[in-house]
Structure formats: C-alpha cells, structure tokens
Amino acid sequence: MALISPSRRLRRTAFSEGVEAQGVKAYTVYNRMLLPTVFESIEADYHHLKNNVQIWDVSCERQVELRGPDAAKLMQMLTPRDLRAMMVGQCYYVPIVDETGGMLNDPVAVKLAEDRWWISIADSDLLYWVKGVANGWRLDVLVDEPDVSPLAIQGPKADDLVERVFGESIRNIKFFRYGVYQFEGRDLVVARSGYSKQGGFEIYVEGSDICMPLWNRLFEAGEDLNVRAGCPNLIERIEGGLLSYGNDMTDDNTPHECGLGRFCNTHTAIGCIGRDALLRVANEGPVKQIRAIEIGGDAVPGCDRVWPVFAGGKRVGHLTSAAWSPEFKTNVAIGMVRMTHWDAGTKLEVETPDGMRPALVKDKFWI
C-alpha cells in the first residue's frame, strides 16, 4: 500500500498527537489537513458511535472568518438562504453558490456578532472565492482563516460527557445553536451540531495551545462512558443522508439537485450572487436529484469512484457513496438520479466493480 509523504502542504492538526495515541489507522486529506477515517475498523467504529460517545478531530473543517462592517452583507452574497432573521447564537446550514447557482460548499455559518461570522467549510478552496468577492465588490470586511480547530463530541452519551467538562447548562443548547463556555480561562463556542445523526456537539477551539489540554480533559471525564477517538463514519453518514461535498455533489450541481432546496430562500435572499440562476431552477425544477438507493446482494466494495446507474439499459444516473449497513442488513447508497426514474420504488441497476447489481430507489434515508 502506498503512503502519503509528509510535507508542509499537508498539515497536521493541533490534536494529531492525541489522534495518534488513540491508534488511528487511516487518514484522508481534507482542506490540506489530516482527517482520520478509521480507528478500529469502519464497522467497529460505527457500532461504537451508535452506542457510546466519540471525540472527533475535525480541525480540517476550517473557518473562513468575516469581520467588519460589511460582514453580514458579504455573508448574504454567498448564499441563497435568507439570513435576515438569523440571530447571534445561531448556526445555519448554508449552501454556498457561484454565479451559475453551482454548489461551491455546504458549510455551517456561525453568527458571532453582526460584524463577525465564521463559515465552517467542507473540503474546498472557499477562502479564495470569499476573498475575491470581498475584494471585487470593495467591501469593508476582513476575510481570513483564524486559528480555530473544531472538535466534535458525537454519540448518544455526548451530553453526559460535555456536561462534566462545561457544566449542566450545556444540555439546554438547542439544535444548531451555540453557547460560549470557558475552558482554562478561554471562551469557546460550543454548538449542538455535528456530522452524524447520533447527536452531539462541536467545540470551536480558538487557540491551538489549549487543544490537547481539552482533548485530555474530555478523555479523563469520559473514561466510564467508554469514550473513544472517532471520526465521521461512512456507513452512518450514508444511512442518515449526510452529503459529502466533492463526493456526492460538486459545483456542477445546484442546491435543488442536491435536495437542499429547503435551505434556499431564493426569492427573498436579495444580494445572493447566484440568485438569478437559482430563480430559474426554482421555477423550472431540477431534472435530476439526489436519492437514497438500496443495492441488492452481499456487501459492495468501497465506492472510490462514480458508479453508473441504469434502467432498461439506459444510463439514468450515478452513485457516489455506498456501504454495507450492519443495522439494516443491506447496501445503503447515495446517488444522483434523473427525474424520470427518481420515484420511490423505481427499480434500477448499478454497475459496481463486482458487476451489475439490482437497486431500488427509497422514499427516504434510513435514519
């Protein structure tokens, strides 16, 4: 097996020391940083996540910070989601689009103040797009990547763990809202969010110097909770329909094709750069869309490339993520399917590395 050669272009994180001590077995590269993908095994990590609590180094979810009088204006220019009602203390899932309505990223926006925002990005060079927009429009705003390293606490025992470190009031944080809590004299934004369906929090650790002290404190506090290091889990995210930018969607896709139309207020999001293009899409409707797809047969191999999808010998879409689900005893998958074949119950065929497999469009994702 080939290895990745280390260099300054591939960044370790402020938690890498702890991740390595916990026995990480595999990484991927995400925003030029190391993102763990396996500890014990994908299936063992999956079962542990669903029953216990895990600590995830997701420092690779870099922040694009907007600071200055025009920060709110710039934030609205980037997304078709209407942000006028968003308050300090809230987090919004925001599709970011270009002038054609194509997806550039699907981050979480964190409103820290009227003149200060964080955009917690998926894997892309969004920082440069935002800098370009700010400069091109001569906006009074500073755009930069701050020293912020997100740490996720995920799993059914997540509330128990964070309470022991930050206090009982943290249980009162509502979904996609945040509070500010202290650790070693430092204010930390703690949001009820995360890239799993098991519940939990994301801690935005501002300042690399306190990352490992927090990591160690959480492990000490969760010893009797069977806490382990973990990472976003392929099986669990497909079951929950959590999309991966760059895998399940790219800038060739609009939010409507990605099933994210509910996060677009295109008619009222005045100022959004891709608004005109998305208005046409909203009026006409997408011709293809992401669907949950069940694949028949034994466990499929890893989906490291696009798998074509056919109906009656005619190509009608493709799959981008697939895995065997131990809980549902079937192969679960995410695919983009043309409107002629996206109705629930439609029978399809998928071309996998092991040959053609029968498949079925589902009415919803599994969790």
Protein backbone atom coordinates (compact mmCIF):
# COMPACT_ATOMS: atom_id res chain seq x y z
CA MET A 1 0.00 0.00 0.00
CA ALA A 2 1.38 3.44 -0.94
CA LEU A 3 1.88 6.05 1.77
CA ILE A 4 1.40 9.81 1.68
CA SER A 5 4.70 11.67 2.08
CA PRO A 6 4.51 14.37 4.76
CA SER A 7 5.20 18.00 3.85
CA ARG A 8 4.20 21.49 4.94
CA ARG A 9 1.48 21.39 2.29
CA LEU A 10 -0.23 18.59 4.24
CA ARG A 11 -0.93 19.96 7.68
CA ARG A 12 -1.11 18.06 10.93
CA THR A 13 -3.68 19.37 13.39
CA ALA A 14 -3.42 20.61 16.95
CA PHE A 15 -5.00 17.28 18.01
CA SER A 16 -2.78 14.96 15.91
CA GLU A 17 -0.75 13.92 18.94
CA GLY A 18 -3.90 12.65 20.65
CA VAL A 19 -5.27 11.04 17.50
CA GLU A 20 -2.07 9.06 17.01
CA ALA A 21 -2.04 7.97 20.65
CA GLN A 22 -5.58 6.62 20.17
CA GLY A 23 -4.43 4.30 17.38
CA VAL A 24 -5.66 5.94 14.18
CA LYS A 25 -5.34 3.50 11.25
CA ALA A 26 -6.18 5.65 8.24
CA TYR A 27 -6.49 9.26 7.14
CA THR A 28 -7.84 11.19 4.22
CA VAL A 29 -6.76 14.67 3.16
CA TYR A 30 -9.33 17.40 3.73
CA ASN A 31 -8.62 21.10 3.28
CA ARG A 32 -4.93 20.14 3.12
CA MET A 33 -5.16 18.67 6.60
CA LEU A 34 -5.24 15.17 8.05
CA LEU A 35 -8.72 13.82 8.76
CA PRO A 36 -8.91 10.42 10.48
CA THR A 37 -11.17 7.88 8.76
CA VAL A 38 -10.63 4.64 10.71
CA PHE A 39 -9.61 3.69 14.24
CA GLU A 40 -10.57 0.04 14.96
CA SER A 41 -12.47 -0.62 11.71
CA ILE A 42 -15.24 1.23 9.87
CA GLU A 43 -17.85 -1.24 11.17
CA ALA A 44 -16.49 -1.37 14.74
CA ASP A 45 -16.29 2.44 14.82
CA TYR A 46 -19.88 2.55 13.53
CA HIS A 47 -21.23 0.35 16.33
CA HIS A 48 -19.32 2.30 18.97
CA LEU A 49 -20.62 5.64 17.64
CA LYS A 50 -24.22 4.44 17.81
CA ASN A 51 -23.94 3.21 21.40
CA ASN A 52 -21.40 5.38 23.21
CA VAL A 53 -19.56 8.66 22.69
CA GLN A 54 -16.65 9.61 20.48
CA ILE A 55 -14.27 12.57 20.24
CA TRP A 56 -13.52 13.61 16.67
CA ASP A 57 -10.63 15.73 15.46
CA VAL A 58 -12.37 17.73 12.73
CA SER A 59 -9.88 20.59 12.67
CA CYS A 60 -9.98 20.20 8.88
CA GLU A 61 -13.35 21.97 8.98
CA ARG A 62 -11.51 25.24 8.57
CA GLN A 63 -13.18 28.53 9.38
CA VAL A 64 -13.46 31.41 6.95
CA GLU A 65 -13.85 34.44 9.18
CA LEU A 66 -15.68 37.57 8.03
CA ARG A 67 -15.01 40.58 10.24
CA GLY A 68 -16.01 44.18 9.64
CA PRO A 69 -18.96 46.48 8.84
CA ASP A 70 -19.84 44.61 5.62
CA ALA A 71 -19.55 41.08 7.08
CA ALA A 72 -23.32 40.42 7.07
CA LYS A 73 -23.66 41.81 3.53
CA LEU A 74 -20.88 39.55 2.28
CA MET A 75 -22.36 36.51 4.03
CA GLN A 76 -25.69 37.06 2.27
CA MET A 77 -23.97 37.49 -1.10
CA LEU A 78 -22.56 33.98 -0.75
CA THR A 79 -25.77 32.03 -0.08
CA PRO A 80 -29.37 31.78 -1.33
CA ARG A 81 -30.54 31.21 2.24
CA ASP A 82 -32.15 34.34 3.68
CA LEU A 83 -30.09 35.30 6.72
CA ARG A 84 -32.02 38.37 7.85
CA ALA A 85 -33.72 36.57 10.74
CA MET A 86 -30.53 34.86 11.92
CA MET A 87 -29.50 35.90 15.42
CA VAL A 88 -26.22 35.87 17.30
CA GLY A 89 -26.06 32.45 18.95
CA GLN A 90 -27.41 30.59 15.92
CA CYS A 91 -25.78 28.34 13.34
CA TYR A 92 -27.25 27.94 9.85
CA TYR A 93 -26.59 25.27 7.24
CA VAL A 94 -25.93 27.41 4.17
CA PRO A 95 -25.43 26.29 0.57
CA ILE A 96 -22.73 28.50 -0.98
CA VAL A 97 -23.17 29.02 -4.73
CA ASP A 98 -21.37 30.66 -7.64
CA GLU A 99 -22.86 32.94 -10.28
CA THR A 100 -24.40 29.95 -12.12
CA GLY A 101 -26.04 28.57 -8.97
CA GLY A 102 -23.47 25.75 -8.72
CA MET A 103 -22.54 24.49 -5.27
CA LEU A 104 -19.15 25.73 -4.03
CA ASN A 105 -19.54 24.40 -0.49
CA ASP A 106 -22.18 23.38 2.05
CA PRO A 107 -20.85 24.82 5.31
CA VAL A 108 -22.34 25.86 8.62
CA ALA A 109 -22.41 29.61 9.20
CA VAL A 110 -21.86 30.71 12.81
CA LYS A 111 -23.02 34.23 13.65
CA LEU A 112 -20.76 35.56 16.40
CA ALA A 113 -21.83 39.21 16.03
CA GLU A 114 -23.38 41.44 13.39
CA ASP A 115 -19.88 42.21 12.16
CA ARG A 116 -18.23 38.83 12.77
CA TRP A 117 -19.06 35.43 11.22
CA TRP A 118 -17.40 32.06 10.87
CA ILE A 119 -18.07 29.83 7.86
CA SER A 120 -17.20 26.24 8.87
CA ILE A 121 -16.35 24.80 5.49
CA ALA A 122 -16.33 21.43 3.79
CA ASP A 123 -13.37 20.44 1.61
CA SER A 124 -12.77 23.22 -0.94
CA ASP A 125 -10.86 26.43 -1.54
CA LEU A 126 -13.79 28.59 -0.45
CA LEU A 127 -11.50 31.07 1.30
CA TYR A 128 -10.23 32.32 -2.07
CA TRP A 129 -13.73 32.71 -3.52
CA VAL A 130 -14.83 34.74 -0.48
CA LYS A 131 -11.70 36.92 -0.64
CA GLY A 132 -12.34 37.51 -4.34
CA VAL A 133 -15.95 38.54 -3.79
CA ALA A 134 -14.99 40.88 -0.95
CA ASN A 135 -12.22 42.50 -2.98
CA GLY A 136 -14.18 42.68 -6.21
CA TRP A 137 -17.09 44.42 -4.55
CA ARG A 138 -14.76 46.62 -2.44
CA LEU A 139 -16.45 45.56 0.78
CA ASP A 140 -15.27 46.81 4.18
CA VAL A 141 -14.54 43.38 5.60
CA LEU A 142 -11.51 41.30 6.54
CA VAL A 143 -11.59 37.70 5.24
CA ASP A 144 -9.13 35.28 6.80
CA GLU A 145 -8.62 31.78 8.26
CA PRO A 146 -8.41 32.08 12.07
CA ASP A 147 -6.65 29.71 14.47
CA VAL A 148 -9.80 27.70 15.21
CA SER A 149 -9.79 23.89 15.48
CA PRO A 150 -13.23 22.27 15.72
CA LEU A 151 -13.57 19.21 17.95
CA ALA A 152 -16.75 17.13 17.67
CA ILE A 153 -18.34 15.13 20.50
CA GLN A 154 -20.77 12.67 18.92
CA GLY A 155 -22.92 9.77 20.12
CA PRO A 156 -25.85 9.11 22.49
CA LYS A 157 -23.68 9.84 25.56
CA ALA A 158 -22.37 13.16 24.23
CA ASP A 159 -24.47 15.27 26.61
CA ASP A 160 -23.17 13.33 29.60
CA LEU A 161 -19.57 13.93 28.57
CA VAL A 162 -19.74 17.64 27.77
CA GLU A 163 -21.70 18.33 30.97
CA ARG A 164 -18.79 17.01 33.02
CA VAL A 165 -16.42 19.50 31.37
CA PHE A 166 -18.61 22.56 30.76
CA GLY A 167 -21.46 22.25 33.28
CA GLU A 168 -25.12 21.27 33.35
CA SER A 169 -26.37 24.30 31.41
CA ILE A 170 -24.84 22.94 28.21
CA ARG A 171 -27.74 20.46 27.99
CA ASN A 172 -30.04 23.42 27.30
CA ILE A 173 -28.39 24.34 23.99
CA LYS A 174 -30.86 23.76 21.19
CA PHE A 175 -30.05 22.19 17.83
CA PHE A 176 -27.95 24.48 15.62
CA ARG A 177 -27.47 27.00 18.38
CA TYR A 178 -24.40 27.63 20.46
CA GLY A 179 -23.26 28.89 23.83
CA VAL A 180 -19.97 30.34 24.98
CA TYR A 181 -18.22 28.31 27.69
CA GLN A 182 -14.89 28.68 29.41
CA PHE A 183 -12.00 26.26 29.48
CA GLU A 184 -8.76 27.23 31.17
CA GLY A 185 -9.84 30.86 31.09
CA ARG A 186 -10.60 30.83 27.34
CA ASP A 187 -14.03 31.43 25.83
CA LEU A 188 -15.06 28.59 23.50
CA VAL A 189 -18.06 28.44 21.17
CA VAL A 190 -19.90 25.14 21.76
CA ALA A 191 -22.66 24.31 19.27
CA ARG A 192 -25.17 21.49 19.23
CA SER A 193 -24.32 20.17 15.78
CA GLY A 194 -22.10 17.64 14.05
CA TYR A 195 -21.66 15.36 11.05
CA SER A 196 -23.65 12.42 12.42
CA LYS A 197 -27.26 11.59 13.24
CA GLN A 198 -26.36 10.38 16.74
CA GLY A 199 -26.45 13.80 18.38
CA GLY A 200 -23.69 15.81 19.95
CA PHE A 201 -21.68 18.99 19.90
CA GLU A 202 -18.94 20.81 18.03
CA ILE A 203 -16.47 22.81 20.06
CA TYR A 204 -14.74 25.61 18.17
CA VAL A 205 -11.38 25.69 19.93
CA GLU A 206 -9.88 29.13 19.34
CA GLY A 207 -6.17 28.86 20.00
CA SER A 208 -4.06 25.78 19.25
CA ASP A 209 -2.36 25.93 22.65
CA ILE A 210 -5.40 24.61 24.51
CA CYS A 211 -6.38 21.88 22.04
CA MET A 212 -4.52 19.00 23.67
CA PRO A 213 -5.42 20.08 27.24
CA LEU A 214 -9.10 19.98 26.21
CA TRP A 215 -8.66 16.65 24.41
CA ASN A 216 -7.08 15.11 27.51
CA ARG A 217 -9.70 16.56 29.84
CA LEU A 218 -12.54 15.10 27.76
CA PHE A 219 -10.96 11.63 27.76
CA GLU A 220 -10.42 11.77 31.52
CA ALA A 221 -14.03 12.86 32.08
CA GLY A 222 -15.45 10.13 29.82
CA GLU A 223 -13.48 7.12 30.94
CA ASP A 224 -16.52 5.38 32.47
CA LEU A 225 -18.62 6.31 29.39
CA ASN A 226 -16.40 4.16 27.12
CA VAL A 227 -15.24 7.27 25.28
CA ARG A 228 -13.03 6.71 22.24
CA ALA A 229 -11.49 8.74 19.47
CA GLY A 230 -13.62 8.57 16.35
CA CYS A 231 -14.26 10.24 13.03
CA PRO A 232 -17.08 10.79 10.55
CA ASN A 233 -18.30 7.29 9.74
CA LEU A 234 -19.04 6.32 6.14
CA ILE A 235 -21.83 3.88 6.97
CA GLU A 236 -23.62 6.11 9.45
CA ARG A 237 -23.49 9.21 7.26
CA ILE A 238 -24.99 7.34 4.27
CA GLU A 239 -27.75 5.91 6.46
CA GLY A 240 -28.54 9.45 7.57
CA GLY A 241 -28.28 11.05 4.14
CA LEU A 242 -25.43 13.35 5.16
CA LEU A 243 -23.88 14.56 1.93
CA SER A 244 -20.15 14.88 1.30
CA TYR A 245 -19.11 17.87 -0.78
CA GLY A 246 -16.75 16.79 -3.53
CA ASN A 247 -18.18 13.26 -3.42
CA ASP A 248 -21.97 13.47 -3.59
CA MET A 249 -22.12 16.99 -5.04
CA THR A 250 -19.81 19.43 -6.83
CA ASP A 251 -20.02 22.85 -8.44
CA ASP A 252 -21.79 21.15 -11.35
CA ASN A 253 -24.84 20.71 -9.10
CA THR A 254 -27.34 23.26 -7.79
CA PRO A 255 -28.70 23.08 -4.23
CA HIS A 256 -32.03 21.91 -5.67
CA GLU A 257 -30.36 18.93 -7.35
CA CYS A 258 -28.75 18.08 -4.03
CA GLY A 259 -32.08 18.05 -2.19
CA LEU A 260 -31.16 21.28 -0.40
CA GLY A 261 -33.95 23.44 -1.80
CA ARG A 262 -35.40 23.85 1.69
CA PHE A 263 -32.28 25.84 2.61
CA CYS A 264 -32.79 28.26 -0.30
CA ASN A 265 -35.00 31.35 0.05
CA THR A 266 -34.10 32.45 -3.45
CA HIS A 267 -36.94 34.95 -3.84
CA THR A 268 -36.04 36.85 -0.66
CA ALA A 269 -32.26 36.31 -0.41
CA ILE A 270 -31.56 39.66 -2.04
CA GLY A 271 -27.93 40.10 -2.95
CA CYS A 272 -27.01 36.43 -3.40
CA ILE A 273 -24.57 36.18 -6.30
CA GLY A 274 -26.27 33.13 -7.85
CA ARG A 275 -29.82 34.33 -7.23
CA ASP A 276 -30.89 34.88 -10.85
CA ALA A 277 -29.67 31.46 -11.94
CA LEU A 278 -31.35 29.75 -8.98
CA LEU A 279 -34.64 31.55 -9.60
CA ARG A 280 -34.79 29.85 -12.99
CA VAL A 281 -34.01 26.48 -11.40
CA ALA A 282 -36.61 27.03 -8.69
CA ASN A 283 -39.27 27.87 -11.27
CA GLU A 284 -38.46 25.04 -13.67
CA GLY A 285 -37.44 22.40 -11.12
CA PRO A 286 -34.36 20.15 -11.27
CA VAL A 287 -34.09 17.39 -13.87
CA LYS A 288 -32.02 15.19 -11.55
CA GLN A 289 -31.77 14.90 -7.80
CA ILE A 290 -30.02 13.04 -5.01
CA ARG A 291 -31.85 9.95 -3.75
CA ALA A 292 -31.36 7.18 -1.21
CA ILE A 293 -30.71 3.94 -3.07
CA GLU A 294 -30.64 0.38 -1.79
CA ILE A 295 -28.31 -2.05 -3.60
CA GLY A 296 -29.07 -5.76 -3.60
CA GLY A 297 -26.68 -8.62 -2.84
CA ASP A 298 -23.75 -9.03 -0.50
CA ALA A 299 -21.62 -6.16 0.77
CA VAL A 300 -20.39 -3.92 -2.03
CA PRO A 301 -16.73 -2.89 -2.29
CA GLY A 302 -15.66 0.63 -1.40
CA CYS A 303 -17.08 3.32 -3.66
CA ASP A 304 -13.99 5.32 -4.59
CA ARG A 305 -15.36 6.47 -7.96
CA VAL A 306 -18.68 7.14 -9.67
CA TRP A 307 -20.81 4.02 -10.29
CA PRO A 308 -23.17 4.34 -13.29
CA VAL A 309 -26.88 3.67 -12.73
CA PHE A 310 -29.08 2.19 -15.47
CA ALA A 311 -32.72 1.45 -16.17
CA GLY A 312 -33.62 -0.75 -19.11
CA GLY A 313 -30.07 -0.47 -20.41
CA LYS A 314 -30.16 3.35 -20.43
CA ARG A 315 -27.99 5.35 -18.08
CA VAL A 316 -30.18 7.41 -15.73
CA GLY A 317 -27.77 8.49 -13.01
CA HIS A 318 -24.83 7.55 -10.85
CA LEU A 319 -23.90 6.56 -7.30
CA THR A 320 -21.26 8.42 -5.30
CA SER A 321 -21.30 6.79 -1.83
CA ALA A 322 -22.14 3.22 -0.84
CA ALA A 323 -21.57 0.83 2.08
CA TRP A 324 -22.99 -2.25 3.77
CA SER A 325 -25.22 -1.35 6.74
CA PRO A 326 -24.91 -3.81 9.63
CA GLU A 327 -28.10 -2.46 11.20
CA PHE A 328 -30.32 -2.53 8.12
CA LYS A 329 -28.69 -5.63 6.56
CA THR A 330 -28.43 -4.10 3.12
CA ASN A 331 -26.18 -1.92 0.98
CA VAL A 332 -27.06 1.73 1.51
CA ALA A 333 -26.11 4.34 -1.06
CA ILE A 334 -26.42 7.96 -2.18
CA GLY A 335 -26.96 8.65 -5.86
CA MET A 336 -27.99 11.31 -8.36
CA VAL A 337 -30.93 10.10 -10.47
CA ARG A 338 -32.84 11.67 -13.36
CA MET A 339 -36.41 12.76 -12.68
CA THR A 340 -37.79 10.02 -14.93
CA HIS A 341 -36.51 7.40 -12.50
CA TRP A 342 -36.28 9.05 -9.08
CA ASP A 343 -39.67 7.98 -7.68
CA ALA A 344 -39.58 5.68 -4.65
CA GLY A 345 -39.85 2.04 -5.65
CA THR A 346 -38.20 2.51 -9.06
CA LYS A 347 -36.01 -0.49 -9.95
CA LEU A 348 -32.52 0.27 -11.22
CA GLU A 349 -29.23 -1.46 -11.94
CA VAL A 350 -25.86 -0.29 -10.62
CA GLU A 351 -22.54 -1.04 -12.29
CA THR A 352 -20.19 -1.86 -9.39
CA PRO A 353 -16.57 -3.09 -9.58
CA ASP A 354 -18.03 -6.57 -8.90
CA GLY A 355 -20.52 -6.35 -11.76
CA MET A 356 -24.13 -5.26 -12.20
CA ARG A 357 -26.34 -5.19 -9.11
CA PRO A 358 -30.09 -4.66 -8.74
CA ALA A 359 -31.02 -1.46 -6.92
CA LEU A 360 -34.12 0.30 -5.63
CA VAL A 361 -34.92 3.98 -5.09
CA LYS A 362 -36.03 4.55 -1.47
CA ASP A 363 -38.58 7.07 -0.27
CA LYS A 364 -36.17 8.40 2.38
CA PHE A 365 -32.83 7.74 4.01
CA TRP A 366 -32.59 5.13 6.70
CA ILE A 367 -32.12 7.32 9.80
